[in-house]
mmCIF file of all heavy atoms, coordinates in Angstrom:
data_MODEL
# 
_entry.id   MODEL 
# 
loop_
_atom_site.group_PDB 
_atom_site.id 
_atom_site.type_symbol 
_atom_site.label_atom_id 
_atom_site.label_alt_id 
_atom_site.label_comp_id 
_atom_site.label_asym_id 
_atom_site.label_entity_id 
_atom_site.label_seq_id 
_atom_site.pdbx_PDB_ins_code 
_atom_site.Cartn_x 
_atom_site.Cartn_y 
_atom_site.Cartn_z 
_atom_site.occupancy 
_atom_site.B_iso_or_equiv 
_atom_site.pdbx_formal_charge 
_atom_site.auth_seq_id 
_atom_site.auth_comp_id 
_atom_site.auth_asym_id 
_atom_site.auth_atom_id 
_atom_site.pdbx_PDB_model_num 
ATOM 1   N N   . GLU A 1 1  ? 0.846  -1.192 -0.002 1.00 0.00 ? 1  GLU A N   1 
ATOM 2   C CA  . GLU A 1 1  ? 0.074  0.011  0.008  1.00 0.00 ? 1  GLU A CA  1 
ATOM 3   C C   . GLU A 1 1  ? 0.888  1.248  -0.023 1.00 0.00 ? 1  GLU A C   1 
ATOM 4   O O   . GLU A 1 1  ? 1.963  1.266  0.580  1.00 0.00 ? 1  GLU A O   1 
ATOM 5   C CB  . GLU A 1 1  ? -0.896 -0.010 1.234  1.00 0.00 ? 1  GLU A CB  1 
ATOM 6   C CG  . GLU A 1 1  ? -2.025 -1.076 1.172  1.00 0.00 ? 1  GLU A CG  1 
ATOM 7   C CD  . GLU A 1 1  ? -2.965 -0.920 2.358  1.00 0.00 ? 1  GLU A CD  1 
ATOM 8   O OE1 . GLU A 1 1  ? -2.636 -0.137 3.278  1.00 0.00 ? 1  GLU A OE1 1 
ATOM 9   O OE2 . GLU A 1 1  ? -3.970 -1.618 2.347  1.00 0.00 ? 1  GLU A OE2 1 
ATOM 10  N N   . ARG A 1 2  ? 0.349  2.262  -0.666 1.00 0.00 ? 2  ARG A N   1 
ATOM 11  C CA  . ARG A 1 2  ? 1.065  3.591  -0.654 1.00 0.00 ? 2  ARG A CA  1 
ATOM 12  C C   . ARG A 1 2  ? 0.711  4.228  0.692  1.00 0.00 ? 2  ARG A C   1 
ATOM 13  O O   . ARG A 1 2  ? -0.371 4.447  1.022  1.00 0.00 ? 2  ARG A O   1 
ATOM 14  C CB  . ARG A 1 2  ? 0.663  4.401  -1.869 1.00 0.00 ? 2  ARG A CB  1 
ATOM 15  C CG  . ARG A 1 2  ? 1.352  5.720  -1.869 1.00 0.00 ? 2  ARG A CG  1 
ATOM 16  C CD  . ARG A 1 2  ? 0.836  6.558  -3.057 1.00 0.00 ? 2  ARG A CD  1 
ATOM 17  N NE  . ARG A 1 2  ? 1.194  5.965  -4.346 1.00 0.00 ? 2  ARG A NE  1 
ATOM 18  C CZ  . ARG A 1 2  ? 2.428  6.147  -4.912 1.00 0.00 ? 2  ARG A CZ  1 
ATOM 19  N NH1 . ARG A 1 2  ? 3.356  6.865  -4.284 1.00 0.00 ? 2  ARG A NH1 1 
ATOM 20  N NH2 . ARG A 1 2  ? 2.666  5.611  -6.107 1.00 0.00 ? 2  ARG A NH2 1 
ATOM 21  N N   . GLY A 1 3  ? 1.814  4.605  1.449  1.00 0.00 ? 3  GLY A N   1 
ATOM 22  C CA  . GLY A 1 3  ? 1.608  5.296  2.690  1.00 0.00 ? 3  GLY A CA  1 
ATOM 23  C C   . GLY A 1 3  ? 1.222  6.747  2.530  1.00 0.00 ? 3  GLY A C   1 
ATOM 24  O O   . GLY A 1 3  ? 1.229  7.215  1.413  1.00 0.00 ? 3  GLY A O   1 
ATOM 25  N N   . PRO A 1 4  ? 0.862  7.435  3.662  1.00 0.00 ? 4  PRO A N   1 
ATOM 26  C CA  . PRO A 1 4  ? 0.538  8.912  3.523  1.00 0.00 ? 4  PRO A CA  1 
ATOM 27  C C   . PRO A 1 4  ? 1.725  9.660  3.047  1.00 0.00 ? 4  PRO A C   1 
ATOM 28  O O   . PRO A 1 4  ? 2.862  9.296  3.304  1.00 0.00 ? 4  PRO A O   1 
ATOM 29  C CB  . PRO A 1 4  ? 0.106  9.289  4.961  1.00 0.00 ? 4  PRO A CB  1 
ATOM 30  C CG  . PRO A 1 4  ? 0.849  8.301  5.817  1.00 0.00 ? 4  PRO A CG  1 
ATOM 31  C CD  . PRO A 1 4  ? 0.861  6.985  5.017  1.00 0.00 ? 4  PRO A CD  1 
ATOM 32  N N   . ALA A 1 5  ? 1.454  10.727 2.367  1.00 0.00 ? 5  ALA A N   1 
ATOM 33  C CA  . ALA A 1 5  ? 2.546  11.641 1.899  1.00 0.00 ? 5  ALA A CA  1 
ATOM 34  C C   . ALA A 1 5  ? 3.414  12.037 3.086  1.00 0.00 ? 5  ALA A C   1 
ATOM 35  O O   . ALA A 1 5  ? 2.879  12.404 4.162  1.00 0.00 ? 5  ALA A O   1 
ATOM 36  C CB  . ALA A 1 5  ? 1.958  12.851 1.174  1.00 0.00 ? 5  ALA A CB  1 
ATOM 37  N N   . SER A 1 6  ? 4.627  12.002 2.904  1.00 0.00 ? 6  SER A N   1 
ATOM 38  C CA  . SER A 1 6  ? 5.607  12.266 3.999  1.00 0.00 ? 6  SER A CA  1 
ATOM 39  C C   . SER A 1 6  ? 5.424  13.590 4.598  1.00 0.00 ? 6  SER A C   1 
ATOM 40  O O   . SER A 1 6  ? 5.575  13.756 5.773  1.00 0.00 ? 6  SER A O   1 
ATOM 41  C CB  . SER A 1 6  ? 7.019  12.013 3.454  1.00 0.00 ? 6  SER A CB  1 
ATOM 42  O OG  . SER A 1 6  ? 7.311  12.896 2.382  1.00 0.00 ? 6  SER A OG  1 
ATOM 43  N N   . GLY A 1 7  ? 5.106  14.613 3.833  1.00 0.00 ? 7  GLY A N   1 
ATOM 44  C CA  . GLY A 1 7  ? 4.979  15.994 4.360  1.00 0.00 ? 7  GLY A CA  1 
ATOM 45  C C   . GLY A 1 7  ? 3.702  16.208 5.178  1.00 0.00 ? 7  GLY A C   1 
ATOM 46  O O   . GLY A 1 7  ? 3.694  16.636 6.275  1.00 0.00 ? 7  GLY A O   1 
ATOM 47  N N   . ASP A 1 8  ? 2.541  15.675 4.613  1.00 0.00 ? 8  ASP A N   1 
ATOM 48  C CA  . ASP A 1 8  ? 1.254  16.022 5.221  1.00 0.00 ? 8  ASP A CA  1 
ATOM 49  C C   . ASP A 1 8  ? 1.097  15.353 6.549  1.00 0.00 ? 8  ASP A C   1 
ATOM 50  O O   . ASP A 1 8  ? 0.742  15.958 7.550  1.00 0.00 ? 8  ASP A O   1 
ATOM 51  C CB  . ASP A 1 8  ? 0.137  15.585 4.254  1.00 0.00 ? 8  ASP A CB  1 
ATOM 52  C CG  . ASP A 1 8  ? 0.169  16.368 2.993  1.00 0.00 ? 8  ASP A CG  1 
ATOM 53  O OD1 . ASP A 1 8  ? 0.850  17.393 2.985  1.00 0.00 ? 8  ASP A OD1 1 
ATOM 54  O OD2 . ASP A 1 8  ? -0.445 15.910 2.006  1.00 0.00 ? 8  ASP A OD2 1 
ATOM 55  N N   . GLY A 1 9  ? 1.382  14.014 6.619  1.00 0.00 ? 9  GLY A N   1 
ATOM 56  C CA  . GLY A 1 9  ? 1.140  13.303 7.868  1.00 0.00 ? 9  GLY A CA  1 
ATOM 57  C C   . GLY A 1 9  ? 2.017  13.817 8.932  1.00 0.00 ? 9  GLY A C   1 
ATOM 58  O O   . GLY A 1 9  ? 1.630  14.027 10.103 1.00 0.00 ? 9  GLY A O   1 
ATOM 59  N N   . ALA A 1 10 ? 3.340  13.993 8.609  1.00 0.00 ? 10 ALA A N   1 
ATOM 60  C CA  . ALA A 1 10 ? 4.229  14.443 9.617  1.00 0.00 ? 10 ALA A CA  1 
ATOM 61  C C   . ALA A 1 10 ? 3.880  15.862 10.177 1.00 0.00 ? 10 ALA A C   1 
ATOM 62  O O   . ALA A 1 10 ? 3.921  16.063 11.382 1.00 0.00 ? 10 ALA A O   1 
ATOM 63  C CB  . ALA A 1 10 ? 5.668  14.467 9.111  1.00 0.00 ? 10 ALA A CB  1 
ATOM 64  N N   . SER A 1 11 ? 3.477  16.764 9.323  1.00 0.00 ? 11 SER A N   1 
ATOM 65  C CA  . SER A 1 11 ? 3.094  18.085 9.712  1.00 0.00 ? 11 SER A CA  1 
ATOM 66  C C   . SER A 1 11 ? 1.950  18.038 10.668 1.00 0.00 ? 11 SER A C   1 
ATOM 67  O O   . SER A 1 11 ? 1.918  18.775 11.656 1.00 0.00 ? 11 SER A O   1 
ATOM 68  C CB  . SER A 1 11 ? 2.828  18.955 8.504  1.00 0.00 ? 11 SER A CB  1 
ATOM 69  O OG  . SER A 1 11 ? 3.944  19.025 7.709  1.00 0.00 ? 11 SER A OG  1 
ATOM 70  N N   . GLY A 1 12 ? 0.915  17.327 10.351 1.00 0.00 ? 12 GLY A N   1 
ATOM 71  C CA  . GLY A 1 12 ? -0.299 17.228 11.131 1.00 0.00 ? 12 GLY A CA  1 
ATOM 72  C C   . GLY A 1 12 ? 0.014  16.734 12.586 1.00 0.00 ? 12 GLY A C   1 
ATOM 73  O O   . GLY A 1 12 ? -0.403 17.245 13.547 1.00 0.00 ? 12 GLY A O   1 
ATOM 74  N N   . ASP A 1 13 ? 0.809  15.647 12.622 1.00 0.00 ? 13 ASP A N   1 
ATOM 75  C CA  . ASP A 1 13 ? 1.212  15.092 13.939 1.00 0.00 ? 13 ASP A CA  1 
ATOM 76  C C   . ASP A 1 13 ? 1.984  16.091 14.709 1.00 0.00 ? 13 ASP A C   1 
ATOM 77  O O   . ASP A 1 13 ? 1.775  16.249 15.952 1.00 0.00 ? 13 ASP A O   1 
ATOM 78  C CB  . ASP A 1 13 ? 1.962  13.786 13.726 1.00 0.00 ? 13 ASP A CB  1 
ATOM 79  C CG  . ASP A 1 13 ? 1.133  12.684 13.150 1.00 0.00 ? 13 ASP A CG  1 
ATOM 80  O OD1 . ASP A 1 13 ? -0.093 12.837 13.240 1.00 0.00 ? 13 ASP A OD1 1 
ATOM 81  O OD2 . ASP A 1 13 ? 1.750  11.740 12.617 1.00 0.00 ? 13 ASP A OD2 1 
ATOM 82  N N   . ASP A 1 14 ? 3.006  16.758 14.035 1.00 0.00 ? 14 ASP A N   1 
ATOM 83  C CA  . ASP A 1 14 ? 3.801  17.709 14.715 1.00 0.00 ? 14 ASP A CA  1 
ATOM 84  C C   . ASP A 1 14 ? 2.958  18.851 15.283 1.00 0.00 ? 14 ASP A C   1 
ATOM 85  O O   . ASP A 1 14 ? 3.188  19.322 16.438 1.00 0.00 ? 14 ASP A O   1 
ATOM 86  C CB  . ASP A 1 14 ? 4.887  18.308 13.823 1.00 0.00 ? 14 ASP A CB  1 
ATOM 87  C CG  . ASP A 1 14 ? 5.905  17.199 13.484 1.00 0.00 ? 14 ASP A CG  1 
ATOM 88  O OD1 . ASP A 1 14 ? 5.926  16.197 14.187 1.00 0.00 ? 14 ASP A OD1 1 
ATOM 89  O OD2 . ASP A 1 14 ? 6.695  17.409 12.490 1.00 0.00 ? 14 ASP A OD2 1 
ATOM 90  N N   . LEU A 1 15 ? 2.017  19.323 14.450 1.00 0.00 ? 15 LEU A N   1 
ATOM 91  C CA  . LEU A 1 15 ? 1.160  20.420 14.894 1.00 0.00 ? 15 LEU A CA  1 
ATOM 92  C C   . LEU A 1 15 ? 0.297  19.999 16.069 1.00 0.00 ? 15 LEU A C   1 
ATOM 93  O O   . LEU A 1 15 ? 0.133  20.722 17.092 1.00 0.00 ? 15 LEU A O   1 
ATOM 94  C CB  . LEU A 1 15 ? 0.243  20.907 13.795 1.00 0.00 ? 15 LEU A CB  1 
ATOM 95  C CG  . LEU A 1 15 ? 0.968  21.663 12.663 1.00 0.00 ? 15 LEU A CG  1 
ATOM 96  C CD1 . LEU A 1 15 ? 0.030  21.992 11.506 1.00 0.00 ? 15 LEU A CD1 1 
ATOM 97  C CD2 . LEU A 1 15 ? 1.552  23.014 13.233 1.00 0.00 ? 15 LEU A CD2 1 
ATOM 98  N N   . ALA A 1 16 ? -0.252 18.731 16.029 1.00 0.00 ? 16 ALA A N   1 
ATOM 99  C CA  . ALA A 1 16 ? -1.157 18.276 17.118 1.00 0.00 ? 16 ALA A CA  1 
ATOM 100 C C   . ALA A 1 16 ? -0.303 18.203 18.391 1.00 0.00 ? 16 ALA A C   1 
ATOM 101 O O   . ALA A 1 16 ? -0.728 18.526 19.486 1.00 0.00 ? 16 ALA A O   1 
ATOM 102 C CB  . ALA A 1 16 ? -1.711 16.950 16.731 1.00 0.00 ? 16 ALA A CB  1 
ATOM 103 N N   . THR A 1 17 ? 0.909  17.614 18.209 1.00 0.00 ? 17 THR A N   1 
ATOM 104 C CA  . THR A 1 17 ? 1.780  17.469 19.502 1.00 0.00 ? 17 THR A CA  1 
ATOM 105 C C   . THR A 1 17 ? 2.172  18.801 20.030 1.00 0.00 ? 17 THR A C   1 
ATOM 106 O O   . THR A 1 17 ? 2.097  19.015 21.247 1.00 0.00 ? 17 THR A O   1 
ATOM 107 C CB  . THR A 1 17 ? 3.036  16.710 19.067 1.00 0.00 ? 17 THR A CB  1 
ATOM 108 O OG1 . THR A 1 17 ? 2.588  15.393 18.533 1.00 0.00 ? 17 THR A OG1 1 
ATOM 109 C CG2 . THR A 1 17 ? 3.954  16.457 20.290 1.00 0.00 ? 17 THR A CG2 1 
ATOM 110 N N   . THR A 1 18 ? 2.550  19.715 19.119 1.00 0.00 ? 18 THR A N   1 
ATOM 111 C CA  . THR A 1 18 ? 2.921  21.039 19.587 1.00 0.00 ? 18 THR A CA  1 
ATOM 112 C C   . THR A 1 18 ? 1.757  21.745 20.263 1.00 0.00 ? 18 THR A C   1 
ATOM 113 O O   . THR A 1 18 ? 1.995  22.360 21.297 1.00 0.00 ? 18 THR A O   1 
ATOM 114 C CB  . THR A 1 18 ? 3.443  21.911 18.366 1.00 0.00 ? 18 THR A CB  1 
ATOM 115 O OG1 . THR A 1 18 ? 4.498  21.188 17.741 1.00 0.00 ? 18 THR A OG1 1 
ATOM 116 C CG2 . THR A 1 18 ? 3.841  23.280 18.841 1.00 0.00 ? 18 THR A CG2 1 
ATOM 117 N N   . GLY A 1 19 ? 0.583  21.605 19.711 1.00 0.00 ? 19 GLY A N   1 
ATOM 118 C CA  . GLY A 1 19 ? -0.601 22.281 20.325 1.00 0.00 ? 19 GLY A CA  1 
ATOM 119 C C   . GLY A 1 19 ? -0.907 21.771 21.764 1.00 0.00 ? 19 GLY A C   1 
ATOM 120 O O   . GLY A 1 19 ? -1.151 22.452 22.664 1.00 0.00 ? 19 GLY A O   1 
ATOM 121 N N   . THR A 1 20 ? -0.816 20.404 21.851 1.00 0.00 ? 20 THR A N   1 
ATOM 122 C CA  . THR A 1 20 ? -1.085 19.814 23.135 1.00 0.00 ? 20 THR A CA  1 
ATOM 123 C C   . THR A 1 20 ? -0.086 20.203 24.170 1.00 0.00 ? 20 THR A C   1 
ATOM 124 O O   . THR A 1 20 ? -0.415 20.507 25.318 1.00 0.00 ? 20 THR A O   1 
ATOM 125 C CB  . THR A 1 20 ? -1.111 18.225 22.956 1.00 0.00 ? 20 THR A CB  1 
ATOM 126 O OG1 . THR A 1 20 ? -2.106 17.874 22.017 1.00 0.00 ? 20 THR A OG1 1 
ATOM 127 C CG2 . THR A 1 20 ? -1.456 17.589 24.290 1.00 0.00 ? 20 THR A CG2 1 
ATOM 128 N N   . SER A 1 21 ? 1.221  20.153 23.734 1.00 0.00 ? 21 SER A N   1 
ATOM 129 C CA  . SER A 1 21 ? 2.277  20.506 24.676 1.00 0.00 ? 21 SER A CA  1 
ATOM 130 C C   . SER A 1 21 ? 2.116  21.949 25.129 1.00 0.00 ? 21 SER A C   1 
ATOM 131 O O   . SER A 1 21 ? 2.343  22.322 26.292 1.00 0.00 ? 21 SER A O   1 
ATOM 132 C CB  . SER A 1 21 ? 3.655  20.306 24.016 1.00 0.00 ? 21 SER A CB  1 
ATOM 133 O OG  . SER A 1 21 ? 3.870  18.960 23.660 1.00 0.00 ? 21 SER A OG  1 
ATOM 134 N N   . GLY A 1 22 ? 1.767  22.827 24.249 1.00 0.00 ? 22 GLY A N   1 
ATOM 135 C CA  . GLY A 1 22 ? 1.537  24.191 24.544 1.00 0.00 ? 22 GLY A CA  1 
ATOM 136 C C   . GLY A 1 22 ? 0.495  24.457 25.525 1.00 0.00 ? 22 GLY A C   1 
ATOM 137 O O   . GLY A 1 22 ? 0.614  25.238 26.464 1.00 0.00 ? 22 GLY A O   1 
ATOM 138 N N   . MET A 1 23 ? -0.632 23.734 25.318 1.00 0.00 ? 23 MET A N   1 
ATOM 139 C CA  . MET A 1 23 ? -1.802 23.874 26.256 1.00 0.00 ? 23 MET A CA  1 
ATOM 140 C C   . MET A 1 23 ? -1.392 23.392 27.649 1.00 0.00 ? 23 MET A C   1 
ATOM 141 O O   . MET A 1 23 ? -1.773 24.037 28.687 1.00 0.00 ? 23 MET A O   1 
ATOM 142 C CB  . MET A 1 23 ? -2.995 23.163 25.718 1.00 0.00 ? 23 MET A CB  1 
ATOM 143 C CG  . MET A 1 23 ? -3.607 23.697 24.494 1.00 0.00 ? 23 MET A CG  1 
ATOM 144 S SD  . MET A 1 23 ? -5.068 22.861 23.906 1.00 0.00 ? 23 MET A SD  1 
ATOM 145 C CE  . MET A 1 23 ? -6.152 23.086 25.252 1.00 0.00 ? 23 MET A CE  1 
ATOM 146 N N   . ILE A 1 24 ? -0.698 22.246 27.742 1.00 0.00 ? 24 ILE A N   1 
ATOM 147 C CA  . ILE A 1 24 ? -0.290 21.766 29.036 1.00 0.00 ? 24 ILE A CA  1 
ATOM 148 C C   . ILE A 1 24 ? 0.666  22.758 29.729 1.00 0.00 ? 24 ILE A C   1 
ATOM 149 O O   . ILE A 1 24 ? 0.563  23.015 30.912 1.00 0.00 ? 24 ILE A O   1 
ATOM 150 C CB  . ILE A 1 24 ? 0.441  20.397 28.837 1.00 0.00 ? 24 ILE A CB  1 
ATOM 151 C CG1 . ILE A 1 24 ? -0.669 19.364 28.381 1.00 0.00 ? 24 ILE A CG1 1 
ATOM 152 C CG2 . ILE A 1 24 ? 0.992  19.996 30.182 1.00 0.00 ? 24 ILE A CG2 1 
ATOM 153 C CD1 . ILE A 1 24 ? -0.102 18.020 28.080 1.00 0.00 ? 24 ILE A CD1 1 
ATOM 154 N N   . GLY A 1 25 ? 1.644  23.366 28.942 1.00 0.00 ? 25 GLY A N   1 
ATOM 155 C CA  . GLY A 1 25 ? 2.506  24.269 29.476 1.00 0.00 ? 25 GLY A CA  1 
ATOM 156 C C   . GLY A 1 25 ? 1.805  25.522 30.046 1.00 0.00 ? 25 GLY A C   1 
ATOM 157 O O   . GLY A 1 25 ? 2.092  25.979 31.117 1.00 0.00 ? 25 GLY A O   1 
ATOM 158 N N   . LEU A 1 26 ? 0.813  25.995 29.238 1.00 0.00 ? 26 LEU A N   1 
ATOM 159 C CA  . LEU A 1 26 ? 0.078  27.231 29.743 1.00 0.00 ? 26 LEU A CA  1 
ATOM 160 C C   . LEU A 1 26 ? -0.691 26.888 30.972 1.00 0.00 ? 26 LEU A C   1 
ATOM 161 O O   . LEU A 1 26 ? -0.832 27.707 31.907 1.00 0.00 ? 26 LEU A O   1 
ATOM 162 C CB  . LEU A 1 26 ? -0.828 27.663 28.603 1.00 0.00 ? 26 LEU A CB  1 
ATOM 163 C CG  . LEU A 1 26 ? -0.132 28.337 27.356 1.00 0.00 ? 26 LEU A CG  1 
ATOM 164 C CD1 . LEU A 1 26 ? -1.165 28.648 26.278 1.00 0.00 ? 26 LEU A CD1 1 
ATOM 165 C CD2 . LEU A 1 26 ? 0.566  29.647 27.837 1.00 0.00 ? 26 LEU A CD2 1 
ATOM 166 N N   . GLY A 1 27 ? -1.271 25.628 31.043 1.00 0.00 ? 27 GLY A N   1 
ATOM 167 C CA  . GLY A 1 27 ? -2.012 25.305 32.252 1.00 0.00 ? 27 GLY A CA  1 
ATOM 168 C C   . GLY A 1 27 ? -1.170 25.230 33.446 1.00 0.00 ? 27 GLY A C   1 
ATOM 169 O O   . GLY A 1 27 ? -1.543 25.683 34.519 1.00 0.00 ? 27 GLY A O   1 
ATOM 170 N N   . LEU A 1 28 ? 0.053  24.673 33.351 1.00 0.00 ? 28 LEU A N   1 
ATOM 171 C CA  . LEU A 1 28 ? 0.909  24.547 34.445 1.00 0.00 ? 28 LEU A CA  1 
ATOM 172 C C   . LEU A 1 28 ? 1.351  25.920 34.869 1.00 0.00 ? 28 LEU A C   1 
ATOM 173 O O   . LEU A 1 28 ? 1.486  26.194 36.079 1.00 0.00 ? 28 LEU A O   1 
ATOM 174 C CB  . LEU A 1 28 ? 2.127  23.699 34.056 1.00 0.00 ? 28 LEU A CB  1 
ATOM 175 C CG  . LEU A 1 28 ? 1.878  22.202 33.928 1.00 0.00 ? 28 LEU A CG  1 
ATOM 176 C CD1 . LEU A 1 28 ? 3.139  21.510 33.379 1.00 0.00 ? 28 LEU A CD1 1 
ATOM 177 C CD2 . LEU A 1 28 ? 1.508  21.547 35.222 1.00 0.00 ? 28 LEU A CD2 1 
ATOM 178 N N   . ALA A 1 29 ? 1.607  26.795 33.925 1.00 0.00 ? 29 ALA A N   1 
ATOM 179 C CA  . ALA A 1 29 ? 2.063  28.137 34.319 1.00 0.00 ? 29 ALA A CA  1 
ATOM 180 C C   . ALA A 1 29 ? 0.982  28.959 35.061 1.00 0.00 ? 29 ALA A C   1 
ATOM 181 O O   . ALA A 1 29 ? 1.243  29.614 36.065 1.00 0.00 ? 29 ALA A O   1 
ATOM 182 C CB  . ALA A 1 29 ? 2.427  28.925 33.014 1.00 0.00 ? 29 ALA A CB  1 
# 
């Protein structure tokens, strides 16, 4: 099977991770 495009999937995951980490950081602060 052809996997997801290397750029799209990675960017989405990175954005989701970054957003979650940011929210947790703001909450702790």
